[in-house]
mmCIF file of all heavy atoms, coordinates in Angstrom:
data_MODEL
# 
_entry.id   MODEL 
# 
loop_
_atom_site.group_PDB 
_atom_site.id 
_atom_site.type_symbol 
_atom_site.label_atom_id 
_atom_site.label_alt_id 
_atom_site.label_comp_id 
_atom_site.label_asym_id 
_atom_site.label_entity_id 
_atom_site.label_seq_id 
_atom_site.pdbx_PDB_ins_code 
_atom_site.Cartn_x 
_atom_site.Cartn_y 
_atom_site.Cartn_z 
_atom_site.occupancy 
_atom_site.B_iso_or_equiv 
_atom_site.pdbx_formal_charge 
_atom_site.auth_seq_id 
_atom_site.auth_comp_id 
_atom_site.auth_asym_id 
_atom_site.auth_atom_id 
_atom_site.pdbx_PDB_model_num 
ATOM 1   N N   . ALA A 1 1  ? 98.699  78.367  85.184 1.00 0.00 ? 1  ALA A N   1 
ATOM 2   C CA  . ALA A 1 1  ? 98.124  79.236  86.234 1.00 0.00 ? 1  ALA A CA  1 
ATOM 3   C C   . ALA A 1 1  ? 97.375  80.341  85.601 1.00 0.00 ? 1  ALA A C   1 
ATOM 4   O O   . ALA A 1 1  ? 96.257  80.621  86.065 1.00 0.00 ? 1  ALA A O   1 
ATOM 5   C CB  . ALA A 1 1  ? 99.165  79.667  87.208 1.00 0.00 ? 1  ALA A CB  1 
ATOM 6   N N   . ILE A 1 2  ? 98.059  81.128  84.660 1.00 0.00 ? 2  ILE A N   1 
ATOM 7   C CA  . ILE A 1 2  ? 97.423  82.297  84.176 1.00 0.00 ? 2  ILE A CA  1 
ATOM 8   C C   . ILE A 1 2  ? 96.271  81.921  83.290 1.00 0.00 ? 2  ILE A C   1 
ATOM 9   O O   . ILE A 1 2  ? 95.176  82.450  83.435 1.00 0.00 ? 2  ILE A O   1 
ATOM 10  C CB  . ILE A 1 2  ? 98.541  83.135  83.276 1.00 0.00 ? 2  ILE A CB  1 
ATOM 11  C CG1 . ILE A 1 2  ? 99.535  83.520  84.200 1.00 0.00 ? 2  ILE A CG1 1 
ATOM 12  C CG2 . ILE A 1 2  ? 97.916  84.380  82.668 1.00 0.00 ? 2  ILE A CG2 1 
ATOM 13  C CD1 . ILE A 1 2  ? 100.723 84.376  83.509 1.00 0.00 ? 2  ILE A CD1 1 
ATOM 14  N N   . ALA A 1 3  ? 96.394  81.011  82.381 1.00 0.00 ? 3  ALA A N   1 
ATOM 15  C CA  . ALA A 1 3  ? 95.428  80.629  81.469 1.00 0.00 ? 3  ALA A CA  1 
ATOM 16  C C   . ALA A 1 3  ? 94.058  80.125  82.217 1.00 0.00 ? 3  ALA A C   1 
ATOM 17  O O   . ALA A 1 3  ? 93.019  80.402  81.989 1.00 0.00 ? 3  ALA A O   1 
ATOM 18  C CB  . ALA A 1 3  ? 95.836  79.622  80.462 1.00 0.00 ? 3  ALA A CB  1 
ATOM 19  N N   . ARG A 1 4  ? 94.452  79.135  83.239 1.00 0.00 ? 4  ARG A N   1 
ATOM 20  C CA  . ARG A 1 4  ? 93.313  78.655  83.968 1.00 0.00 ? 4  ARG A CA  1 
ATOM 21  C C   . ARG A 1 4  ? 92.568  79.674  84.769 1.00 0.00 ? 4  ARG A C   1 
ATOM 22  O O   . ARG A 1 4  ? 91.322  79.639  84.811 1.00 0.00 ? 4  ARG A O   1 
ATOM 23  C CB  . ARG A 1 4  ? 93.959  77.511  84.960 1.00 0.00 ? 4  ARG A CB  1 
ATOM 24  C CG  . ARG A 1 4  ? 92.850  76.914  85.906 1.00 0.00 ? 4  ARG A CG  1 
ATOM 25  C CD  . ARG A 1 4  ? 91.831  76.148  85.143 1.00 0.00 ? 4  ARG A CD  1 
ATOM 26  N NE  . ARG A 1 4  ? 92.418  75.141  84.331 1.00 0.00 ? 4  ARG A NE  1 
ATOM 27  C CZ  . ARG A 1 4  ? 92.589  73.812  84.805 1.00 0.00 ? 4  ARG A CZ  1 
ATOM 28  N NH1 . ARG A 1 4  ? 92.241  73.616  86.020 1.00 0.00 ? 4  ARG A NH1 1 
ATOM 29  N NH2 . ARG A 1 4  ? 93.160  72.909  84.000 1.00 0.00 ? 4  ARG A NH2 1 
ATOM 30  N N   . ARG A 1 5  ? 93.431  80.627  85.475 1.00 0.00 ? 5  ARG A N   1 
ATOM 31  C CA  . ARG A 1 5  ? 92.750  81.602  86.153 1.00 0.00 ? 5  ARG A CA  1 
ATOM 32  C C   . ARG A 1 5  ? 91.859  82.617  85.248 1.00 0.00 ? 5  ARG A C   1 
ATOM 33  O O   . ARG A 1 5  ? 90.752  82.992  85.635 1.00 0.00 ? 5  ARG A O   1 
ATOM 34  C CB  . ARG A 1 5  ? 93.689  82.509  86.852 1.00 0.00 ? 5  ARG A CB  1 
ATOM 35  C CG  . ARG A 1 5  ? 93.141  83.502  87.855 1.00 0.00 ? 5  ARG A CG  1 
ATOM 36  C CD  . ARG A 1 5  ? 94.330  84.185  88.619 1.00 0.00 ? 5  ARG A CD  1 
ATOM 37  N NE  . ARG A 1 5  ? 94.932  83.252  89.579 1.00 0.00 ? 5  ARG A NE  1 
ATOM 38  C CZ  . ARG A 1 5  ? 94.420  83.004  90.833 1.00 0.00 ? 5  ARG A CZ  1 
ATOM 39  N NH1 . ARG A 1 5  ? 93.265  83.661  91.211 1.00 0.00 ? 5  ARG A NH1 1 
ATOM 40  N NH2 . ARG A 1 5  ? 94.970  82.071  91.523 1.00 0.00 ? 5  ARG A NH2 1 
ATOM 41  N N   . LEU A 1 6  ? 92.451  82.871  84.029 1.00 0.00 ? 6  LEU A N   1 
ATOM 42  C CA  . LEU A 1 6  ? 91.658  83.664  83.149 1.00 0.00 ? 6  LEU A CA  1 
ATOM 43  C C   . LEU A 1 6  ? 90.475  83.041  82.590 1.00 0.00 ? 6  LEU A C   1 
ATOM 44  O O   . LEU A 1 6  ? 89.351  83.718  82.500 1.00 0.00 ? 6  LEU A O   1 
ATOM 45  C CB  . LEU A 1 6  ? 92.526  84.065  82.010 1.00 0.00 ? 6  LEU A CB  1 
ATOM 46  C CG  . LEU A 1 6  ? 93.755  85.057  82.266 1.00 0.00 ? 6  LEU A CG  1 
ATOM 47  C CD1 . LEU A 1 6  ? 94.600  85.260  81.131 1.00 0.00 ? 6  LEU A CD1 1 
ATOM 48  C CD2 . LEU A 1 6  ? 93.150  86.449  82.850 1.00 0.00 ? 6  LEU A CD2 1 
ATOM 49  N N   . VAL A 1 7  ? 90.585  81.692  82.305 1.00 0.00 ? 7  VAL A N   1 
ATOM 50  C CA  . VAL A 1 7  ? 89.474  81.041  81.789 1.00 0.00 ? 7  VAL A CA  1 
ATOM 51  C C   . VAL A 1 7  ? 88.313  80.665  82.853 1.00 0.00 ? 7  VAL A C   1 
ATOM 52  O O   . VAL A 1 7  ? 87.185  80.845  82.528 1.00 0.00 ? 7  VAL A O   1 
ATOM 53  C CB  . VAL A 1 7  ? 89.988  79.709  80.907 1.00 0.00 ? 7  VAL A CB  1 
ATOM 54  C CG1 . VAL A 1 7  ? 88.754  78.848  80.686 1.00 0.00 ? 7  VAL A CG1 1 
ATOM 55  C CG2 . VAL A 1 7  ? 90.834  80.114  79.822 1.00 0.00 ? 7  VAL A CG2 1 
ATOM 56  N N   . ASP A 1 8  ? 88.727  80.254  83.946 1.00 0.00 ? 8  ASP A N   1 
ATOM 57  C CA  . ASP A 1 8  ? 87.799  79.734  84.970 1.00 0.00 ? 8  ASP A CA  1 
ATOM 58  C C   . ASP A 1 8  ? 86.934  80.865  85.571 1.00 0.00 ? 8  ASP A C   1 
ATOM 59  O O   . ASP A 1 8  ? 85.877  80.646  85.898 1.00 0.00 ? 8  ASP A O   1 
ATOM 60  C CB  . ASP A 1 8  ? 88.614  79.055  86.028 1.00 0.00 ? 8  ASP A CB  1 
ATOM 61  C CG  . ASP A 1 8  ? 89.097  77.698  85.649 1.00 0.00 ? 8  ASP A CG  1 
ATOM 62  O OD1 . ASP A 1 8  ? 88.731  77.250  84.457 1.00 0.00 ? 8  ASP A OD1 1 
ATOM 63  O OD2 . ASP A 1 8  ? 89.864  77.096  86.339 1.00 0.00 ? 8  ASP A OD2 1 
ATOM 64  N N   . ARG A 1 9  ? 87.510  81.978  85.714 1.00 0.00 ? 9  ARG A N   1 
ATOM 65  C CA  . ARG A 1 9  ? 86.864  83.127  86.291 1.00 0.00 ? 9  ARG A CA  1 
ATOM 66  C C   . ARG A 1 9  ? 85.955  83.916  85.282 1.00 0.00 ? 9  ARG A C   1 
ATOM 67  O O   . ARG A 1 9  ? 86.488  84.302  84.303 1.00 0.00 ? 9  ARG A O   1 
ATOM 68  C CB  . ARG A 1 9  ? 87.674  84.058  87.064 1.00 0.00 ? 9  ARG A CB  1 
ATOM 69  C CG  . ARG A 1 9  ? 88.462  83.423  88.249 1.00 0.00 ? 9  ARG A CG  1 
ATOM 70  C CD  . ARG A 1 9  ? 89.274  84.396  89.039 1.00 0.00 ? 9  ARG A CD  1 
ATOM 71  N NE  . ARG A 1 9  ? 88.406  85.360  89.785 1.00 0.00 ? 9  ARG A NE  1 
ATOM 72  C CZ  . ARG A 1 9  ? 88.715  86.263  90.403 1.00 0.00 ? 9  ARG A CZ  1 
ATOM 73  N NH1 . ARG A 1 9  ? 90.068  86.540  90.664 1.00 0.00 ? 9  ARG A NH1 1 
ATOM 74  N NH2 . ARG A 1 9  ? 87.798  87.058  91.067 1.00 0.00 ? 9  ARG A NH2 1 
ATOM 75  N N   . PRO A 1 10 ? 84.730  84.174  85.598 1.00 0.00 ? 10 PRO A N   1 
ATOM 76  C CA  . PRO A 1 10 ? 83.879  85.003  84.605 1.00 0.00 ? 10 PRO A CA  1 
ATOM 77  C C   . PRO A 1 10 ? 84.413  86.420  84.575 1.00 0.00 ? 10 PRO A C   1 
ATOM 78  O O   . PRO A 1 10 ? 84.856  87.027  85.717 1.00 0.00 ? 10 PRO A O   1 
ATOM 79  C CB  . PRO A 1 10 ? 82.550  84.912  85.102 1.00 0.00 ? 10 PRO A CB  1 
ATOM 80  C CG  . PRO A 1 10 ? 82.662  84.564  86.652 1.00 0.00 ? 10 PRO A CG  1 
ATOM 81  C CD  . PRO A 1 10 ? 83.841  83.793  86.687 1.00 0.00 ? 10 PRO A CD  1 
ATOM 82  N N   . TRP A 1 11 ? 84.347  87.045  83.491 1.00 0.00 ? 11 TRP A N   1 
ATOM 83  C CA  . TRP A 1 11 ? 84.885  88.414  83.374 1.00 0.00 ? 11 TRP A CA  1 
ATOM 84  C C   . TRP A 1 11 ? 83.726  89.449  83.620 1.00 0.00 ? 11 TRP A C   1 
ATOM 85  O O   . TRP A 1 11 ? 84.023  90.565  83.906 1.00 0.00 ? 11 TRP A O   1 
ATOM 86  C CB  . TRP A 1 11 ? 85.447  88.621  81.969 1.00 0.00 ? 11 TRP A CB  1 
ATOM 87  C CG  . TRP A 1 11 ? 86.800  88.103  81.728 1.00 0.00 ? 11 TRP A CG  1 
ATOM 88  C CD1 . TRP A 1 11 ? 87.463  87.256  82.631 1.00 0.00 ? 11 TRP A CD1 1 
ATOM 89  C CD2 . TRP A 1 11 ? 87.691  88.389  80.651 1.00 0.00 ? 11 TRP A CD2 1 
ATOM 90  N NE1 . TRP A 1 11 ? 88.727  86.999  82.131 1.00 0.00 ? 11 TRP A NE1 1 
ATOM 91  C CE2 . TRP A 1 11 ? 88.886  87.727  80.963 1.00 0.00 ? 11 TRP A CE2 1 
ATOM 92  C CE3 . TRP A 1 11 ? 87.560  89.137  79.532 1.00 0.00 ? 11 TRP A CE3 1 
ATOM 93  C CZ2 . TRP A 1 11 ? 90.032  87.719  80.130 1.00 0.00 ? 11 TRP A CZ2 1 
ATOM 94  C CZ3 . TRP A 1 11 ? 88.775  89.244  78.775 1.00 0.00 ? 11 TRP A CZ3 1 
ATOM 95  C CH2 . TRP A 1 11 ? 89.890  88.568  78.994 1.00 0.00 ? 11 TRP A CH2 1 
ATOM 96  N N   . GLY A 1 12 ? 82.487  89.080  83.262 1.00 0.00 ? 12 GLY A N   1 
ATOM 97  C CA  . GLY A 1 12 ? 81.405  90.005  83.428 1.00 0.00 ? 12 GLY A CA  1 
ATOM 98  C C   . GLY A 1 12 ? 81.362  90.839  84.711 1.00 0.00 ? 12 GLY A C   1 
ATOM 99  O O   . GLY A 1 12 ? 81.445  92.128  84.813 1.00 0.00 ? 12 GLY A O   1 
ATOM 100 N N   . PRO A 1 13 ? 81.058  90.138  85.848 1.00 0.00 ? 13 PRO A N   1 
ATOM 101 C CA  . PRO A 1 13 ? 80.815  90.850  87.148 1.00 0.00 ? 13 PRO A CA  1 
ATOM 102 C C   . PRO A 1 13 ? 82.071  91.634  87.536 1.00 0.00 ? 13 PRO A C   1 
ATOM 103 O O   . PRO A 1 13 ? 81.919  92.801  87.961 1.00 0.00 ? 13 PRO A O   1 
ATOM 104 C CB  . PRO A 1 13 ? 80.558  89.683  88.125 1.00 0.00 ? 13 PRO A CB  1 
ATOM 105 C CG  . PRO A 1 13 ? 80.048  88.659  87.124 1.00 0.00 ? 13 PRO A CG  1 
ATOM 106 C CD  . PRO A 1 13 ? 80.628  88.705  86.005 1.00 0.00 ? 13 PRO A CD  1 
ATOM 107 N N   . PRO A 1 14 ? 83.280  91.132  87.449 1.00 0.00 ? 14 PRO A N   1 
ATOM 108 C CA  . PRO A 1 14 ? 84.485  92.009  87.831 1.00 0.00 ? 14 PRO A CA  1 
ATOM 109 C C   . PRO A 1 14 ? 84.631  93.187  87.054 1.00 0.00 ? 14 PRO A C   1 
ATOM 110 O O   . PRO A 1 14 ? 84.867  94.286  87.433 1.00 0.00 ? 14 PRO A O   1 
ATOM 111 C CB  . PRO A 1 14 ? 85.665  91.136  87.736 1.00 0.00 ? 14 PRO A CB  1 
ATOM 112 C CG  . PRO A 1 14 ? 85.132  89.678  87.706 1.00 0.00 ? 14 PRO A CG  1 
ATOM 113 C CD  . PRO A 1 14 ? 83.742  89.728  87.114 1.00 0.00 ? 14 PRO A CD  1 
ATOM 114 N N   . LEU A 1 15 ? 84.412  93.051  85.629 1.00 0.00 ? 15 LEU A N   1 
ATOM 115 C CA  . LEU A 1 15 ? 84.535  94.271  84.767 1.00 0.00 ? 15 LEU A CA  1 
ATOM 116 C C   . LEU A 1 15 ? 83.443  95.211  85.103 1.00 0.00 ? 15 LEU A C   1 
ATOM 117 O O   . LEU A 1 15 ? 83.559  96.423  85.106 1.00 0.00 ? 15 LEU A O   1 
ATOM 118 C CB  . LEU A 1 15 ? 84.399  93.732  83.352 1.00 0.00 ? 15 LEU A CB  1 
ATOM 119 C CG  . LEU A 1 15 ? 85.698  92.950  82.840 1.00 0.00 ? 15 LEU A CG  1 
ATOM 120 C CD1 . LEU A 1 15 ? 85.511  92.566  81.342 1.00 0.00 ? 15 LEU A CD1 1 
ATOM 121 C CD2 . LEU A 1 15 ? 86.951  93.958  82.862 1.00 0.00 ? 15 LEU A CD2 1 
ATOM 122 N N   . GLY A 1 16 ? 82.202  94.671  85.355 1.00 0.00 ? 16 GLY A N   1 
ATOM 123 C CA  . GLY A 1 16 ? 81.104  95.578  85.709 1.00 0.00 ? 16 GLY A CA  1 
ATOM 124 C C   . GLY A 1 16 ? 81.311  96.325  86.995 1.00 0.00 ? 16 GLY A C   1 
ATOM 125 O O   . GLY A 1 16 ? 81.038  97.531  87.012 1.00 0.00 ? 16 GLY A O   1 
ATOM 126 N N   . ARG A 1 17 ? 81.873  95.620  87.994 1.00 0.00 ? 17 ARG A N   1 
ATOM 127 C CA  . ARG A 1 17 ? 82.250  96.414  89.214 1.00 0.00 ? 17 ARG A CA  1 
ATOM 128 C C   . ARG A 1 17 ? 83.218  97.457  88.966 1.00 0.00 ? 17 ARG A C   1 
ATOM 129 O O   . ARG A 1 17 ? 83.241  98.584  89.586 1.00 0.00 ? 17 ARG A O   1 
ATOM 130 C CB  . ARG A 1 17 ? 82.669  95.399  90.294 1.00 0.00 ? 17 ARG A CB  1 
ATOM 131 C CG  . ARG A 1 17 ? 81.507  94.574  90.847 1.00 0.00 ? 17 ARG A CG  1 
ATOM 132 C CD  . ARG A 1 17 ? 81.874  93.813  92.109 1.00 0.00 ? 17 ARG A CD  1 
ATOM 133 N NE  . ARG A 1 17 ? 82.898  92.772  91.805 1.00 0.00 ? 17 ARG A NE  1 
ATOM 134 C CZ  . ARG A 1 17 ? 82.608  91.596  91.454 1.00 0.00 ? 17 ARG A CZ  1 
ATOM 135 N NH1 . ARG A 1 17 ? 81.299  91.259  91.489 1.00 0.00 ? 17 ARG A NH1 1 
ATOM 136 N NH2 . ARG A 1 17 ? 83.520  90.703  91.187 1.00 0.00 ? 17 ARG A NH2 1 
ATOM 137 N N   . LEU A 1 18 ? 84.335  97.014  88.171 1.00 0.00 ? 18 LEU A N   1 
ATOM 138 C CA  . LEU A 1 18 ? 85.466  98.014  87.963 1.00 0.00 ? 18 LEU A CA  1 
ATOM 139 C C   . LEU A 1 18 ? 84.904  99.172  87.165 1.00 0.00 ? 18 LEU A C   1 
ATOM 140 O O   . LEU A 1 18 ? 85.252  100.337 87.465 1.00 0.00 ? 18 LEU A O   1 
ATOM 141 C CB  . LEU A 1 18 ? 86.495  97.256  87.178 1.00 0.00 ? 18 LEU A CB  1 
ATOM 142 C CG  . LEU A 1 18 ? 87.776  98.071  86.769 1.00 0.00 ? 18 LEU A CG  1 
ATOM 143 C CD1 . LEU A 1 18 ? 88.420  98.708  87.968 1.00 0.00 ? 18 LEU A CD1 1 
ATOM 144 C CD2 . LEU A 1 18 ? 88.588  97.247  85.941 1.00 0.00 ? 18 LEU A CD2 1 
ATOM 145 N N   . LEU A 1 19 ? 84.104  98.916  86.149 1.00 0.00 ? 19 LEU A N   1 
ATOM 146 C CA  . LEU A 1 19 ? 83.601  99.978  85.285 1.00 0.00 ? 19 LEU A CA  1 
ATOM 147 C C   . LEU A 1 19 ? 82.649  100.939 86.170 1.00 0.00 ? 19 LEU A C   1 
ATOM 148 O O   . LEU A 1 19 ? 82.607  102.200 86.084 1.00 0.00 ? 19 LEU A O   1 
ATOM 149 C CB  . LEU A 1 19 ? 82.871  99.456  83.984 1.00 0.00 ? 19 LEU A CB  1 
ATOM 150 C CG  . LEU A 1 19 ? 82.243  100.401 83.154 1.00 0.00 ? 19 LEU A CG  1 
ATOM 151 C CD1 . LEU A 1 19 ? 83.264  101.390 82.513 1.00 0.00 ? 19 LEU A CD1 1 
ATOM 152 C CD2 . LEU A 1 19 ? 81.457  99.757  81.922 1.00 0.00 ? 19 LEU A CD2 1 
ATOM 153 N N   . GLY A 1 20 ? 81.809  100.270 87.002 1.00 0.00 ? 20 GLY A N   1 
ATOM 154 C CA  . GLY A 1 20 ? 81.008  101.058 87.848 1.00 0.00 ? 20 GLY A CA  1 
ATOM 155 C C   . GLY A 1 20 ? 81.765  102.062 88.758 1.00 0.00 ? 20 GLY A C   1 
ATOM 156 O O   . GLY A 1 20 ? 81.371  103.205 89.051 1.00 0.00 ? 20 GLY A O   1 
ATOM 157 N N   . GLN A 1 21 ? 82.928  101.547 89.365 1.00 0.00 ? 21 GLN A N   1 
ATOM 158 C CA  . GLN A 1 21 ? 83.771  102.265 90.255 1.00 0.00 ? 21 GLN A CA  1 
ATOM 159 C C   . GLN A 1 21 ? 84.395  103.490 89.446 1.00 0.00 ? 21 GLN A C   1 
ATOM 160 O O   . GLN A 1 21 ? 84.431  104.640 90.001 1.00 0.00 ? 21 GLN A O   1 
ATOM 161 C CB  . GLN A 1 21 ? 84.812  101.436 90.848 1.00 0.00 ? 21 GLN A CB  1 
ATOM 162 C CG  . GLN A 1 21 ? 85.632  102.168 91.836 1.00 0.00 ? 21 GLN A CG  1 
ATOM 163 C CD  . GLN A 1 21 ? 84.750  102.584 93.091 1.00 0.00 ? 21 GLN A CD  1 
ATOM 164 O OE1 . GLN A 1 21 ? 83.926  101.908 93.597 1.00 0.00 ? 21 GLN A OE1 1 
ATOM 165 N NE2 . GLN A 1 21 ? 84.948  103.852 93.577 1.00 0.00 ? 21 GLN A NE2 1 
ATOM 166 N N   . VAL A 1 22 ? 84.812  103.187 88.305 1.00 0.00 ? 22 VAL A N   1 
ATOM 167 C CA  . VAL A 1 22 ? 85.368  104.284 87.379 1.00 0.00 ? 22 VAL A CA  1 
ATOM 168 C C   . VAL A 1 22 ? 84.466  105.302 87.116 1.00 0.00 ? 22 VAL A C   1 
ATOM 169 O O   . VAL A 1 22 ? 84.738  106.483 87.147 1.00 0.00 ? 22 VAL A O   1 
ATOM 170 C CB  . VAL A 1 22 ? 85.984  103.683 86.080 1.00 0.00 ? 22 VAL A CB  1 
ATOM 171 C CG1 . VAL A 1 22 ? 86.436  104.664 85.176 1.00 0.00 ? 22 VAL A CG1 1 
ATOM 172 C CG2 . VAL A 1 22 ? 87.082  102.694 86.434 1.00 0.00 ? 22 VAL A CG2 1 
ATOM 173 N N   . LEU A 1 23 ? 83.086  104.975 86.829 1.00 0.00 ? 23 LEU A N   1 
ATOM 174 C CA  . LEU A 1 23 ? 82.118  105.923 86.392 1.00 0.00 ? 23 LEU A CA  1 
ATOM 175 C C   . LEU A 1 23 ? 81.768  106.637 87.707 1.00 0.00 ? 23 LEU A C   1 
ATOM 176 O O   . LEU A 1 23 ? 81.523  107.958 87.534 1.00 0.00 ? 23 LEU A O   1 
ATOM 177 C CB  . LEU A 1 23 ? 80.899  105.158 85.962 1.00 0.00 ? 23 LEU A CB  1 
ATOM 178 C CG  . LEU A 1 23 ? 81.003  104.505 84.473 1.00 0.00 ? 23 LEU A CG  1 
ATOM 179 C CD1 . LEU A 1 23 ? 79.859  103.579 84.220 1.00 0.00 ? 23 LEU A CD1 1 
ATOM 180 C CD2 . LEU A 1 23 ? 81.349  105.450 83.406 1.00 0.00 ? 23 LEU A CD2 1 
ATOM 181 N N   . ALA A 1 24 ? 81.665  106.010 88.843 1.00 0.00 ? 24 ALA A N   1 
ATOM 182 C CA  . ALA A 1 24 ? 81.329  106.706 90.153 1.00 0.00 ? 24 ALA A CA  1 
ATOM 183 C C   . ALA A 1 24 ? 82.249  107.833 90.471 1.00 0.00 ? 24 ALA A C   1 
ATOM 184 O O   . ALA A 1 24 ? 82.021  108.810 90.876 1.00 0.00 ? 24 ALA A O   1 
ATOM 185 C CB  . ALA A 1 24 ? 81.089  105.721 91.229 1.00 0.00 ? 24 ALA A CB  1 
ATOM 186 N N   . ASP A 1 25 ? 83.674  107.450 90.262 1.00 0.00 ? 25 ASP A N   1 
ATOM 187 C CA  . ASP A 1 25 ? 84.770  108.440 90.496 1.00 0.00 ? 25 ASP A CA  1 
ATOM 188 C C   . ASP A 1 25 ? 84.799  109.417 89.360 1.00 0.00 ? 25 ASP A C   1 
ATOM 189 O O   . ASP A 1 25 ? 85.680  110.436 89.648 1.00 0.00 ? 25 ASP A O   1 
ATOM 190 C CB  . ASP A 1 25 ? 85.952  107.673 90.555 1.00 0.00 ? 25 ASP A CB  1 
ATOM 191 C CG  . ASP A 1 25 ? 86.076  106.651 91.806 1.00 0.00 ? 25 ASP A CG  1 
ATOM 192 O OD1 . ASP A 1 25 ? 85.240  106.881 92.736 1.00 0.00 ? 25 ASP A OD1 1 
ATOM 193 O OD2 . ASP A 1 25 ? 86.844  105.731 91.766 1.00 0.00 ? 25 ASP A OD2 1 
ATOM 194 N N   . GLY A 1 26 ? 84.246  109.314 88.259 1.00 0.00 ? 26 GLY A N   1 
ATOM 195 C CA  . GLY A 1 26 ? 84.453  110.232 87.147 1.00 0.00 ? 26 GLY A CA  1 
ATOM 196 C C   . GLY A 1 26 ? 85.728  110.216 86.427 1.00 0.00 ? 26 GLY A C   1 
ATOM 197 O O   . GLY A 1 26 ? 86.067  111.043 85.752 1.00 0.00 ? 26 GLY A O   1 
ATOM 198 N N   . ALA A 1 27 ? 86.494  109.099 86.653 1.00 0.00 ? 27 ALA A N   1 
ATOM 199 C CA  . ALA A 1 27 ? 87.724  108.874 86.037 1.00 0.00 ? 27 ALA A CA  1 
ATOM 200 C C   . ALA A 1 27 ? 87.627  108.798 84.475 1.00 0.00 ? 27 ALA A C   1 
ATOM 201 O O   . ALA A 1 27 ? 88.584  108.947 83.737 1.00 0.00 ? 27 ALA A O   1 
ATOM 202 C CB  . ALA A 1 27 ? 88.448  107.707 86.593 1.00 0.00 ? 27 ALA A CB  1 
# 
């Protein structure tokens, strides 16, 4: 379950959204 979920889902867009939110909050 963990490996399949990590492999199947692309990391780029989620990480980009997370990083963008962090930058917007100034954290």
